[in-house]
N, C-alpha and C. Protein backbone atom coordinates (compact mmCIF):
# COMPACT_ATOMS: atom_id res chain seq x y z
N UNK A 1 -11.49 -5.68 3.10
CA UNK A 1 -12.70 -6.17 2.44
C UNK A 1 -12.56 -5.96 0.94
N UNK A 2 -12.93 -6.91 0.15
CA UNK A 2 -12.81 -6.80 -1.30
C UNK A 2 -13.92 -5.93 -1.85
N UNK A 3 -13.70 -5.46 -3.09
CA UNK A 3 -14.72 -4.63 -3.73
C UNK A 3 -16.01 -5.42 -3.93
N UNK A 4 -15.88 -6.76 -4.19
CA UNK A 4 -17.06 -7.57 -4.43
C UNK A 4 -17.95 -7.64 -3.20
N UNK A 5 -17.35 -7.52 -2.00
CA UNK A 5 -18.12 -7.60 -0.77
C UNK A 5 -18.65 -6.25 -0.33
N UNK A 6 -18.27 -5.19 -1.02
CA UNK A 6 -18.70 -3.86 -0.63
C UNK A 6 -20.17 -3.68 -0.98
N UNK A 7 -20.91 -2.95 -0.15
CA UNK A 7 -22.33 -2.72 -0.45
C UNK A 7 -22.47 -1.84 -1.69
N UNK A 8 -23.54 -2.01 -2.46
CA UNK A 8 -23.74 -1.17 -3.65
C UNK A 8 -23.94 0.28 -3.25
N UNK A 9 -23.57 1.18 -4.17
CA UNK A 9 -23.76 2.60 -3.91
C UNK A 9 -25.25 2.92 -3.88
N UNK A 10 -25.64 3.93 -3.11
CA UNK A 10 -27.04 4.36 -3.12
C UNK A 10 -27.47 4.78 -4.53
N UNK A 11 -28.75 4.67 -4.81
CA UNK A 11 -29.27 4.98 -6.14
C UNK A 11 -28.91 6.39 -6.57
N UNK A 12 -29.01 7.34 -5.65
CA UNK A 12 -28.71 8.73 -6.00
C UNK A 12 -27.26 8.89 -6.43
N UNK A 13 -26.35 8.20 -5.75
CA UNK A 13 -24.94 8.29 -6.09
C UNK A 13 -24.66 7.62 -7.44
N UNK A 14 -25.35 6.49 -7.70
CA UNK A 14 -25.18 5.83 -8.99
C UNK A 14 -25.68 6.70 -10.14
N UNK A 15 -26.78 7.39 -9.93
CA UNK A 15 -27.30 8.30 -10.95
C UNK A 15 -26.32 9.45 -11.20
N UNK A 16 -25.75 9.95 -10.12
CA UNK A 16 -24.79 11.04 -10.24
C UNK A 16 -23.57 10.59 -11.03
N UNK A 17 -23.09 9.39 -10.76
CA UNK A 17 -21.93 8.88 -11.49
C UNK A 17 -22.25 8.67 -12.97
N UNK A 18 -23.45 8.18 -13.26
CA UNK A 18 -23.83 7.99 -14.66
C UNK A 18 -23.92 9.33 -15.39
N UNK A 19 -24.48 10.35 -14.72
CA UNK A 19 -24.57 11.67 -15.34
C UNK A 19 -23.17 12.24 -15.59
N UNK A 20 -22.30 12.09 -14.62
CA UNK A 20 -20.93 12.59 -14.77
C UNK A 20 -20.23 11.90 -15.94
N UNK A 21 -20.40 10.58 -16.05
CA UNK A 21 -19.76 9.85 -17.13
C UNK A 21 -20.35 10.24 -18.48
N UNK A 22 -21.66 10.46 -18.52
CA UNK A 22 -22.29 10.89 -19.77
C UNK A 22 -21.76 12.25 -20.20
N UNK A 23 -21.55 13.13 -19.24
CA UNK A 23 -20.99 14.45 -19.56
C UNK A 23 -19.58 14.32 -20.13
N UNK A 24 -18.75 13.47 -19.52
CA UNK A 24 -17.38 13.29 -19.99
C UNK A 24 -17.37 12.74 -21.41
N UNK A 25 -18.17 11.70 -21.65
CA UNK A 25 -18.18 11.06 -22.97
C UNK A 25 -18.75 11.99 -24.03
N UNK A 26 -19.85 12.65 -23.72
CA UNK A 26 -20.49 13.53 -24.70
C UNK A 26 -19.62 14.75 -24.98
N UNK A 27 -19.04 15.31 -23.93
CA UNK A 27 -18.16 16.46 -24.13
C UNK A 27 -16.96 16.08 -25.00
N UNK A 28 -16.37 14.93 -24.74
CA UNK A 28 -15.25 14.49 -25.55
C UNK A 28 -15.61 14.38 -27.01
N UNK A 29 -16.78 13.82 -27.30
CA UNK A 29 -17.21 13.66 -28.69
C UNK A 29 -17.48 15.01 -29.35
N UNK A 30 -18.21 15.89 -28.64
CA UNK A 30 -18.54 17.20 -29.21
C UNK A 30 -17.30 18.05 -29.39
N UNK A 31 -16.41 18.05 -28.40
CA UNK A 31 -15.21 18.86 -28.49
C UNK A 31 -14.30 18.39 -29.62
N UNK A 32 -14.21 17.07 -29.79
CA UNK A 32 -13.37 16.52 -30.87
C UNK A 32 -13.96 16.86 -32.24
N UNK A 33 -15.29 16.88 -32.32
CA UNK A 33 -15.96 17.14 -33.60
C UNK A 33 -15.99 18.62 -33.94
N UNK A 34 -16.35 19.45 -32.95
CA UNK A 34 -16.58 20.87 -33.23
C UNK A 34 -15.47 21.79 -32.72
N UNK A 35 -14.71 21.31 -31.75
CA UNK A 35 -13.75 22.16 -31.05
C UNK A 35 -14.34 22.65 -29.75
N UNK A 36 -13.48 22.88 -28.77
CA UNK A 36 -13.96 23.30 -27.45
C UNK A 36 -14.60 24.68 -27.52
N UNK A 37 -13.95 25.61 -28.21
CA UNK A 37 -14.46 26.98 -28.25
C UNK A 37 -15.79 27.08 -28.99
N UNK A 38 -16.01 26.19 -29.96
CA UNK A 38 -17.23 26.25 -30.77
C UNK A 38 -18.38 25.46 -30.16
N UNK A 39 -18.13 24.76 -29.07
CA UNK A 39 -19.18 24.01 -28.39
C UNK A 39 -19.60 24.77 -27.15
N UNK A 40 -20.83 25.20 -27.10
CA UNK A 40 -21.30 25.97 -25.94
C UNK A 40 -21.74 25.04 -24.82
N UNK A 41 -21.85 25.60 -23.66
CA UNK A 41 -22.36 24.84 -22.52
C UNK A 41 -23.81 24.42 -22.77
N UNK A 42 -24.57 25.27 -23.46
CA UNK A 42 -25.94 24.92 -23.82
C UNK A 42 -25.96 23.70 -24.73
N UNK A 43 -25.02 23.64 -25.70
CA UNK A 43 -24.93 22.49 -26.59
C UNK A 43 -24.71 21.21 -25.80
N UNK A 44 -23.77 21.28 -24.86
CA UNK A 44 -23.41 20.09 -24.09
C UNK A 44 -24.57 19.64 -23.20
N UNK A 45 -25.18 20.59 -22.51
CA UNK A 45 -26.29 20.23 -21.62
C UNK A 45 -27.48 19.67 -22.41
N UNK A 46 -27.73 20.22 -23.59
CA UNK A 46 -28.82 19.72 -24.42
C UNK A 46 -28.55 18.30 -24.88
N UNK A 47 -27.30 18.01 -25.23
CA UNK A 47 -26.95 16.68 -25.71
C UNK A 47 -27.10 15.62 -24.62
N UNK A 48 -26.83 16.01 -23.37
CA UNK A 48 -26.94 15.07 -22.25
C UNK A 48 -28.32 15.14 -21.60
N UNK A 49 -29.11 16.15 -22.00
CA UNK A 49 -30.46 16.36 -21.47
C UNK A 49 -30.43 16.64 -19.97
N UNK A 50 -29.60 17.61 -19.61
CA UNK A 50 -29.53 18.07 -18.23
C UNK A 50 -29.57 19.59 -18.22
N UNK A 51 -29.77 20.16 -17.05
CA UNK A 51 -29.75 21.61 -16.89
C UNK A 51 -28.33 22.08 -16.61
N UNK A 52 -28.10 23.37 -16.77
CA UNK A 52 -26.79 23.93 -16.42
C UNK A 52 -26.51 23.75 -14.93
N UNK A 53 -27.57 23.82 -14.15
CA UNK A 53 -27.40 23.64 -12.71
C UNK A 53 -26.83 22.25 -12.42
N UNK A 54 -27.33 21.24 -13.13
CA UNK A 54 -26.81 19.89 -12.95
C UNK A 54 -25.37 19.79 -13.44
N UNK A 55 -25.09 20.47 -14.55
CA UNK A 55 -23.71 20.47 -15.04
C UNK A 55 -22.77 21.00 -13.97
N UNK A 56 -23.10 22.13 -13.38
CA UNK A 56 -22.20 22.76 -12.40
C UNK A 56 -22.14 22.00 -11.08
N UNK A 57 -23.06 21.08 -10.87
CA UNK A 57 -22.92 20.20 -9.71
C UNK A 57 -21.79 19.19 -9.94
N UNK A 58 -21.46 18.96 -11.21
CA UNK A 58 -20.45 17.96 -11.55
C UNK A 58 -19.11 18.57 -11.94
N UNK A 59 -19.14 19.69 -12.64
CA UNK A 59 -17.90 20.29 -13.13
C UNK A 59 -18.00 21.82 -13.05
N UNK A 60 -16.87 22.47 -12.77
CA UNK A 60 -16.90 23.93 -12.69
C UNK A 60 -16.82 24.63 -14.04
N UNK A 61 -16.44 23.90 -15.12
CA UNK A 61 -16.23 24.55 -16.41
C UNK A 61 -16.15 23.52 -17.53
N UNK A 62 -16.21 24.00 -18.78
CA UNK A 62 -16.01 23.12 -19.93
C UNK A 62 -14.61 22.52 -19.91
N UNK A 63 -13.63 23.32 -19.49
CA UNK A 63 -12.26 22.82 -19.45
C UNK A 63 -12.13 21.65 -18.48
N UNK A 64 -12.82 21.73 -17.36
CA UNK A 64 -12.74 20.67 -16.36
C UNK A 64 -13.34 19.36 -16.86
N UNK A 65 -14.46 19.43 -17.58
CA UNK A 65 -15.06 18.20 -18.08
C UNK A 65 -14.22 17.63 -19.22
N UNK A 66 -13.60 18.48 -20.02
CA UNK A 66 -12.75 18.01 -21.10
C UNK A 66 -11.55 17.25 -20.58
N UNK A 67 -11.01 17.69 -19.46
CA UNK A 67 -9.79 17.08 -18.90
C UNK A 67 -10.08 16.09 -17.78
N UNK A 68 -11.34 15.78 -17.55
CA UNK A 68 -11.73 14.93 -16.42
C UNK A 68 -11.01 13.58 -16.37
N UNK A 69 -10.83 12.86 -17.49
CA UNK A 69 -10.14 11.57 -17.39
C UNK A 69 -8.74 11.68 -16.79
N UNK A 70 -7.98 12.69 -17.22
CA UNK A 70 -6.63 12.86 -16.69
C UNK A 70 -6.66 13.43 -15.27
N UNK A 71 -7.61 14.29 -14.99
CA UNK A 71 -7.76 14.82 -13.63
C UNK A 71 -8.12 13.71 -12.65
N UNK A 72 -8.95 12.77 -13.11
CA UNK A 72 -9.32 11.65 -12.24
C UNK A 72 -8.10 10.81 -11.88
N UNK A 73 -7.19 10.66 -12.83
CA UNK A 73 -5.97 9.90 -12.57
C UNK A 73 -5.16 10.56 -11.46
N UNK A 74 -5.01 11.87 -11.53
CA UNK A 74 -4.19 12.56 -10.52
C UNK A 74 -4.91 12.65 -9.18
N UNK A 75 -6.25 12.65 -9.20
CA UNK A 75 -6.98 12.57 -7.94
C UNK A 75 -6.71 11.22 -7.28
N UNK A 76 -6.66 10.15 -8.08
CA UNK A 76 -6.33 8.83 -7.55
C UNK A 76 -4.89 8.80 -7.04
N UNK A 77 -4.00 9.49 -7.72
CA UNK A 77 -2.61 9.58 -7.27
C UNK A 77 -2.54 10.21 -5.88
N UNK A 78 -3.26 11.30 -5.67
CA UNK A 78 -3.24 11.96 -4.36
C UNK A 78 -3.85 11.06 -3.29
N UNK A 79 -4.91 10.33 -3.65
CA UNK A 79 -5.54 9.43 -2.68
C UNK A 79 -4.58 8.31 -2.29
N UNK A 80 -3.85 7.76 -3.25
CA UNK A 80 -2.87 6.71 -2.96
C UNK A 80 -1.70 7.28 -2.15
N UNK A 81 -1.28 8.49 -2.49
CA UNK A 81 -0.16 9.11 -1.77
C UNK A 81 -0.54 9.36 -0.32
N UNK A 82 -1.81 9.67 -0.10
CA UNK A 82 -2.30 9.92 1.25
C UNK A 82 -2.17 8.69 2.15
N UNK A 83 -2.17 7.49 1.52
CA UNK A 83 -2.10 6.26 2.29
C UNK A 83 -0.82 5.47 1.99
N UNK A 84 0.14 6.11 1.34
CA UNK A 84 1.37 5.41 0.96
C UNK A 84 2.20 5.07 2.18
N UNK A 85 2.80 3.89 2.15
CA UNK A 85 3.71 3.45 3.21
C UNK A 85 5.12 3.45 2.65
N UNK A 86 5.96 4.40 3.05
CA UNK A 86 7.30 4.48 2.48
C UNK A 86 8.11 3.22 2.78
N UNK A 87 8.82 2.74 1.77
CA UNK A 87 9.76 1.63 1.94
C UNK A 87 11.16 2.18 1.70
N UNK A 88 12.14 1.31 1.74
CA UNK A 88 13.49 1.75 1.47
C UNK A 88 13.59 2.23 0.02
N UNK A 89 14.11 3.40 -0.18
CA UNK A 89 14.22 3.94 -1.53
C UNK A 89 14.13 5.45 -1.49
N UNK A 90 14.09 6.04 -2.66
CA UNK A 90 14.05 7.50 -2.76
C UNK A 90 12.61 8.00 -2.78
N UNK A 91 12.47 9.29 -2.60
CA UNK A 91 11.15 9.91 -2.72
C UNK A 91 10.62 9.72 -4.13
N UNK A 92 11.48 9.84 -5.13
CA UNK A 92 11.03 9.67 -6.50
C UNK A 92 10.53 8.25 -6.74
N UNK A 93 11.18 7.26 -6.13
CA UNK A 93 10.69 5.88 -6.23
C UNK A 93 9.26 5.77 -5.68
N UNK A 94 9.04 6.37 -4.51
CA UNK A 94 7.72 6.34 -3.89
C UNK A 94 6.69 7.00 -4.79
N UNK A 95 7.02 8.16 -5.36
CA UNK A 95 6.08 8.87 -6.22
C UNK A 95 5.78 8.07 -7.48
N UNK A 96 6.79 7.43 -8.04
CA UNK A 96 6.59 6.64 -9.26
C UNK A 96 5.68 5.45 -8.98
N UNK A 97 5.94 4.74 -7.90
CA UNK A 97 5.10 3.58 -7.55
C UNK A 97 3.66 4.02 -7.27
N UNK A 98 3.51 5.19 -6.66
CA UNK A 98 2.17 5.70 -6.36
C UNK A 98 1.42 6.04 -7.64
N UNK A 99 2.11 6.63 -8.60
CA UNK A 99 1.46 6.96 -9.87
C UNK A 99 1.06 5.70 -10.64
N UNK A 100 1.92 4.69 -10.64
CA UNK A 100 1.57 3.43 -11.31
C UNK A 100 0.35 2.80 -10.65
N UNK A 101 0.28 2.84 -9.32
CA UNK A 101 -0.90 2.31 -8.62
C UNK A 101 -2.16 3.07 -9.01
N UNK A 102 -2.04 4.38 -9.17
CA UNK A 102 -3.19 5.19 -9.58
C UNK A 102 -3.63 4.84 -10.99
N UNK A 103 -2.67 4.59 -11.88
CA UNK A 103 -3.00 4.19 -13.24
C UNK A 103 -3.76 2.87 -13.24
N UNK A 104 -3.27 1.90 -12.48
CA UNK A 104 -3.93 0.59 -12.43
C UNK A 104 -5.38 0.72 -11.93
N UNK A 105 -5.61 1.64 -11.02
CA UNK A 105 -6.96 1.82 -10.48
C UNK A 105 -7.86 2.56 -11.45
N UNK A 106 -7.32 3.57 -12.11
CA UNK A 106 -8.14 4.48 -12.92
C UNK A 106 -8.34 4.00 -14.35
N UNK A 107 -7.33 3.40 -14.94
CA UNK A 107 -7.36 3.09 -16.37
C UNK A 107 -8.17 1.84 -16.68
N UNK A 108 -9.47 1.91 -16.42
CA UNK A 108 -10.40 0.80 -16.67
C UNK A 108 -11.65 1.35 -17.35
N UNK A 109 -12.45 0.44 -17.90
CA UNK A 109 -13.77 0.79 -18.43
C UNK A 109 -13.74 1.95 -19.43
N UNK A 110 -12.87 1.85 -20.42
CA UNK A 110 -12.84 2.86 -21.46
C UNK A 110 -11.98 4.08 -21.16
N UNK A 111 -11.34 4.09 -19.99
CA UNK A 111 -10.52 5.25 -19.64
C UNK A 111 -9.41 5.53 -20.66
N UNK A 112 -8.69 4.53 -21.18
CA UNK A 112 -7.63 4.84 -22.14
C UNK A 112 -8.13 5.67 -23.33
N UNK A 113 -9.27 5.30 -23.88
CA UNK A 113 -9.82 6.05 -25.02
C UNK A 113 -10.15 7.49 -24.60
N UNK A 114 -10.77 7.63 -23.45
CA UNK A 114 -11.13 8.98 -22.98
C UNK A 114 -9.87 9.81 -22.70
N UNK A 115 -8.86 9.18 -22.11
CA UNK A 115 -7.65 9.91 -21.74
C UNK A 115 -6.88 10.38 -22.98
N UNK A 116 -6.79 9.52 -24.00
CA UNK A 116 -6.08 9.93 -25.21
C UNK A 116 -6.83 11.06 -25.92
N UNK A 117 -8.15 11.03 -25.86
CA UNK A 117 -8.93 12.11 -26.48
C UNK A 117 -8.70 13.41 -25.71
N UNK A 118 -8.70 13.37 -24.39
CA UNK A 118 -8.43 14.57 -23.59
C UNK A 118 -7.03 15.10 -23.87
N UNK A 119 -6.07 14.19 -23.96
CA UNK A 119 -4.70 14.60 -24.23
C UNK A 119 -4.60 15.28 -25.58
N UNK A 120 -5.27 14.73 -26.59
CA UNK A 120 -5.25 15.35 -27.90
C UNK A 120 -5.90 16.72 -27.90
N UNK A 121 -7.00 16.88 -27.18
CA UNK A 121 -7.65 18.19 -27.09
C UNK A 121 -6.75 19.21 -26.42
N UNK A 122 -6.05 18.79 -25.38
CA UNK A 122 -5.17 19.71 -24.65
C UNK A 122 -4.02 20.20 -25.53
N UNK A 123 -3.58 19.35 -26.44
CA UNK A 123 -2.45 19.72 -27.30
C UNK A 123 -2.86 20.70 -28.39
N UNK A 124 -4.16 20.80 -28.67
CA UNK A 124 -4.61 21.66 -29.78
C UNK A 124 -5.47 22.83 -29.31
N UNK A 125 -5.73 22.91 -28.00
CA UNK A 125 -6.62 23.96 -27.48
C UNK A 125 -5.89 24.76 -26.40
N UNK A 126 -5.51 26.01 -26.69
CA UNK A 126 -4.76 26.80 -25.71
C UNK A 126 -5.45 26.93 -24.36
N UNK A 127 -6.78 27.06 -24.36
CA UNK A 127 -7.49 27.21 -23.08
C UNK A 127 -7.33 25.96 -22.22
N UNK A 128 -7.33 24.79 -22.85
CA UNK A 128 -7.15 23.56 -22.09
C UNK A 128 -5.72 23.42 -21.60
N UNK A 129 -4.76 23.84 -22.42
CA UNK A 129 -3.36 23.80 -22.00
C UNK A 129 -3.15 24.69 -20.78
N UNK A 130 -3.75 25.88 -20.78
CA UNK A 130 -3.64 26.79 -19.64
C UNK A 130 -4.33 26.20 -18.42
N UNK A 131 -5.48 25.59 -18.63
CA UNK A 131 -6.21 24.94 -17.53
C UNK A 131 -5.36 23.84 -16.91
N UNK A 132 -4.68 23.06 -17.75
CA UNK A 132 -3.85 21.97 -17.26
C UNK A 132 -2.67 22.48 -16.43
N UNK A 133 -2.10 23.60 -16.84
CA UNK A 133 -0.99 24.16 -16.07
C UNK A 133 -1.44 24.53 -14.67
N UNK A 134 -2.61 25.14 -14.57
CA UNK A 134 -3.15 25.52 -13.26
C UNK A 134 -3.46 24.27 -12.43
N UNK A 135 -4.06 23.27 -13.07
CA UNK A 135 -4.39 22.03 -12.38
C UNK A 135 -3.12 21.33 -11.89
N UNK A 136 -2.09 21.32 -12.73
CA UNK A 136 -0.83 20.68 -12.36
C UNK A 136 -0.22 21.36 -11.14
N UNK A 137 -0.27 22.69 -11.11
CA UNK A 137 0.28 23.42 -9.96
C UNK A 137 -0.50 23.09 -8.69
N UNK A 138 -1.83 23.04 -8.79
CA UNK A 138 -2.65 22.72 -7.62
C UNK A 138 -2.37 21.30 -7.13
N UNK A 139 -2.21 20.37 -8.06
CA UNK A 139 -1.94 18.98 -7.69
C UNK A 139 -0.59 18.86 -7.01
N UNK A 140 0.40 19.55 -7.53
CA UNK A 140 1.74 19.52 -6.93
C UNK A 140 1.70 20.08 -5.51
N UNK A 141 0.99 21.16 -5.32
CA UNK A 141 0.89 21.75 -3.98
C UNK A 141 0.18 20.80 -3.01
N UNK A 142 -0.86 20.12 -3.50
CA UNK A 142 -1.57 19.16 -2.65
C UNK A 142 -0.66 18.00 -2.29
N UNK A 143 0.13 17.53 -3.25
CA UNK A 143 1.07 16.44 -2.98
C UNK A 143 2.13 16.87 -1.97
N UNK A 144 2.62 18.08 -2.09
CA UNK A 144 3.61 18.58 -1.13
C UNK A 144 3.02 18.63 0.27
N UNK A 145 1.77 19.07 0.37
CA UNK A 145 1.11 19.10 1.69
C UNK A 145 1.03 17.70 2.30
N UNK A 146 0.70 16.71 1.48
CA UNK A 146 0.63 15.33 1.97
C UNK A 146 2.00 14.82 2.41
N UNK A 147 3.02 15.15 1.64
CA UNK A 147 4.38 14.71 1.98
C UNK A 147 4.85 15.35 3.28
N UNK A 148 4.52 16.61 3.48
CA UNK A 148 4.87 17.29 4.73
C UNK A 148 4.16 16.65 5.91
N UNK A 149 2.89 16.34 5.72
CA UNK A 149 2.09 15.81 6.82
C UNK A 149 2.46 14.37 7.16
N UNK A 150 2.56 13.54 6.13
CA UNK A 150 2.73 12.10 6.37
C UNK A 150 4.18 11.67 6.49
N UNK A 151 5.08 12.30 5.72
CA UNK A 151 6.49 11.91 5.74
C UNK A 151 7.36 12.90 6.49
N UNK A 152 6.74 14.00 6.89
CA UNK A 152 7.46 15.04 7.63
C UNK A 152 8.66 15.58 6.84
N UNK A 153 8.49 15.70 5.54
CA UNK A 153 9.55 16.27 4.72
C UNK A 153 9.62 17.78 4.97
N UNK A 154 10.82 18.27 5.07
CA UNK A 154 11.00 19.71 5.29
C UNK A 154 11.76 20.36 4.14
N UNK A 155 12.24 19.55 3.20
CA UNK A 155 13.03 20.06 2.08
C UNK A 155 12.10 20.31 0.89
N UNK A 156 11.55 21.50 0.83
CA UNK A 156 10.60 21.83 -0.23
C UNK A 156 11.24 21.78 -1.62
N UNK A 157 12.47 22.24 -1.74
CA UNK A 157 13.10 22.33 -3.05
C UNK A 157 13.24 20.96 -3.69
N UNK A 158 13.82 20.00 -2.96
CA UNK A 158 14.04 18.68 -3.54
C UNK A 158 12.72 17.94 -3.75
N UNK A 159 11.77 18.10 -2.83
CA UNK A 159 10.47 17.45 -2.98
C UNK A 159 9.73 18.01 -4.19
N UNK A 160 9.79 19.33 -4.36
CA UNK A 160 9.12 19.95 -5.52
C UNK A 160 9.77 19.49 -6.82
N UNK A 161 11.10 19.40 -6.84
CA UNK A 161 11.77 18.93 -8.05
C UNK A 161 11.41 17.48 -8.35
N UNK A 162 11.31 16.64 -7.31
CA UNK A 162 10.93 15.24 -7.52
C UNK A 162 9.54 15.15 -8.14
N UNK A 163 8.61 15.97 -7.66
CA UNK A 163 7.26 15.98 -8.22
C UNK A 163 7.26 16.50 -9.65
N UNK A 164 8.04 17.54 -9.91
CA UNK A 164 8.11 18.07 -11.28
C UNK A 164 8.70 17.04 -12.24
N UNK A 165 9.70 16.30 -11.79
CA UNK A 165 10.28 15.23 -12.62
C UNK A 165 9.24 14.16 -12.90
N UNK A 166 8.47 13.80 -11.88
CA UNK A 166 7.42 12.80 -12.06
C UNK A 166 6.42 13.26 -13.11
N UNK A 167 5.97 14.49 -13.02
CA UNK A 167 4.98 15.01 -13.96
C UNK A 167 5.56 15.06 -15.37
N UNK A 168 6.82 15.49 -15.49
CA UNK A 168 7.45 15.55 -16.81
C UNK A 168 7.56 14.16 -17.43
N UNK A 169 7.95 13.17 -16.62
CA UNK A 169 8.04 11.79 -17.12
C UNK A 169 6.66 11.29 -17.54
N UNK A 170 5.64 11.63 -16.77
CA UNK A 170 4.28 11.23 -17.12
C UNK A 170 3.87 11.79 -18.47
N UNK A 171 4.15 13.06 -18.71
CA UNK A 171 3.77 13.67 -19.98
C UNK A 171 4.53 13.06 -21.15
N UNK A 172 5.80 12.74 -20.95
CA UNK A 172 6.55 12.05 -22.01
C UNK A 172 5.92 10.70 -22.31
N UNK A 173 5.58 9.96 -21.26
CA UNK A 173 4.95 8.64 -21.44
C UNK A 173 3.59 8.79 -22.12
N UNK A 174 2.83 9.80 -21.72
CA UNK A 174 1.50 10.01 -22.29
C UNK A 174 1.59 10.34 -23.78
N UNK A 175 2.58 11.15 -24.16
CA UNK A 175 2.78 11.48 -25.58
C UNK A 175 3.03 10.21 -26.39
N UNK A 176 3.95 9.38 -25.91
CA UNK A 176 4.31 8.17 -26.64
C UNK A 176 3.15 7.18 -26.67
N UNK A 177 2.50 7.02 -25.53
CA UNK A 177 1.39 6.06 -25.40
C UNK A 177 0.21 6.44 -26.30
N UNK A 178 -0.15 7.72 -26.30
CA UNK A 178 -1.33 8.15 -27.07
C UNK A 178 -1.09 8.11 -28.57
N UNK A 179 0.19 8.04 -28.98
CA UNK A 179 0.51 7.96 -30.40
C UNK A 179 0.52 6.52 -30.92
N UNK A 180 0.37 5.55 -30.03
CA UNK A 180 0.38 4.14 -30.43
C UNK A 180 -0.90 3.78 -31.17
N UNK A 181 -0.82 2.73 -31.99
CA UNK A 181 -2.03 2.26 -32.67
C UNK A 181 -2.91 1.45 -31.73
N UNK A 182 -2.30 0.82 -30.75
CA UNK A 182 -3.06 0.12 -29.70
C UNK A 182 -2.57 0.63 -28.36
N UNK A 183 -3.51 1.03 -27.53
CA UNK A 183 -3.12 1.55 -26.22
C UNK A 183 -4.08 1.05 -25.16
N UNK A 184 -3.50 0.66 -24.04
CA UNK A 184 -4.27 0.16 -22.91
C UNK A 184 -3.48 0.40 -21.65
N UNK A 185 -3.98 -0.11 -20.55
CA UNK A 185 -3.31 0.09 -19.27
C UNK A 185 -1.90 -0.50 -19.24
N UNK A 186 -1.68 -1.74 -19.67
CA UNK A 186 -0.32 -2.29 -19.63
C UNK A 186 0.66 -1.47 -20.45
N UNK A 187 0.20 -0.98 -21.61
CA UNK A 187 1.08 -0.18 -22.46
C UNK A 187 1.43 1.16 -21.81
N UNK A 188 0.47 1.78 -21.14
CA UNK A 188 0.75 3.04 -20.45
C UNK A 188 1.75 2.82 -19.32
N UNK A 189 1.56 1.76 -18.55
CA UNK A 189 2.49 1.47 -17.45
C UNK A 189 3.89 1.19 -18.00
N UNK A 190 3.96 0.48 -19.13
CA UNK A 190 5.27 0.22 -19.74
C UNK A 190 5.94 1.52 -20.18
N UNK A 191 5.17 2.44 -20.75
CA UNK A 191 5.73 3.74 -21.16
C UNK A 191 6.17 4.55 -19.93
N UNK A 192 5.40 4.47 -18.86
CA UNK A 192 5.78 5.15 -17.63
C UNK A 192 7.09 4.60 -17.09
N UNK A 193 7.20 3.28 -17.04
CA UNK A 193 8.43 2.66 -16.53
C UNK A 193 9.62 3.07 -17.38
N UNK A 194 9.43 3.13 -18.70
CA UNK A 194 10.52 3.53 -19.59
C UNK A 194 10.93 4.99 -19.34
N UNK A 195 9.93 5.85 -19.13
CA UNK A 195 10.24 7.26 -18.85
C UNK A 195 10.94 7.41 -17.51
N UNK A 196 10.47 6.68 -16.49
CA UNK A 196 11.12 6.73 -15.18
C UNK A 196 12.57 6.25 -15.28
N UNK A 197 12.79 5.18 -16.04
CA UNK A 197 14.14 4.63 -16.16
C UNK A 197 15.08 5.59 -16.87
N UNK A 198 14.53 6.48 -17.69
CA UNK A 198 15.37 7.43 -18.44
C UNK A 198 15.75 8.66 -17.62
N UNK A 199 15.12 8.86 -16.47
CA UNK A 199 15.38 10.07 -15.68
C UNK A 199 16.84 10.21 -15.26
N UNK A 200 17.49 9.17 -14.67
CA UNK A 200 18.89 9.36 -14.26
C UNK A 200 19.80 9.75 -15.41
N UNK A 201 19.60 9.13 -16.56
CA UNK A 201 20.42 9.48 -17.72
C UNK A 201 20.19 10.89 -18.18
N UNK A 202 18.95 11.37 -18.09
CA UNK A 202 18.64 12.74 -18.49
C UNK A 202 19.33 13.75 -17.57
N UNK A 203 19.42 13.40 -16.27
CA UNK A 203 20.04 14.32 -15.30
C UNK A 203 21.55 14.37 -15.43
N UNK A 204 22.16 13.32 -15.98
CA UNK A 204 23.63 13.27 -16.08
C UNK A 204 24.12 13.37 -17.52
N UNK A 205 23.21 13.58 -18.45
CA UNK A 205 23.57 13.66 -19.87
C UNK A 205 24.52 14.83 -20.11
N UNK A 206 25.59 14.57 -20.78
CA UNK A 206 26.59 15.60 -21.03
C UNK A 206 26.49 16.09 -22.47
N UNK A 207 26.92 17.31 -22.66
CA UNK A 207 26.98 17.89 -23.99
C UNK A 207 28.44 18.17 -24.33
N UNK A 208 28.77 17.98 -25.57
CA UNK A 208 30.14 18.21 -26.02
C UNK A 208 30.18 19.43 -26.94
N UNK A 209 31.25 20.20 -26.85
CA UNK A 209 31.36 21.36 -27.75
C UNK A 209 31.47 20.92 -29.19
N UNK A 210 30.98 21.72 -30.07
CA UNK A 210 31.06 21.40 -31.51
C UNK A 210 32.54 21.41 -31.97
């Protein structure tokens, strides 16, 4: 069934989504202007005109709302991986195709602007960098669980390395993409493809003695 034929979300769910999006947008603006550490939760809730209780229904922390655009992408990655149908190829091929599918789904309606802002905040805020490391580890573990369940993989070492390579390539692509003067979904996918294509050369790159 196409999205156009899907029934509209209930009013309560639509309100919840609007509140969540308002929190993401307002937090991004305040954090970019004042800094994450200098923006209190009271400041954020007052700007969106919600209570702290409502905030915590949507996010567990300031760090989580700051990184929400990128976290949403990886949540979509896990959802796609959960329903992935392996074809002929390597595990890394499957993971790369799954990530590109997640980008196509997520990177709409202003997401590129929000994602580049989150990426910039993470590069300048130690607390966000630490939060991202923890989130990355949790996402990798969730992906490994899905691979064990759906693909019956038993080789943890190689599967973990494939996921780590995927994440490293994503961060390289994100760095290059966010530094562009124009950035959108096609440009991010192009940067991802370029990073993926560079992986074999990186693994076999030789060094020569001086």
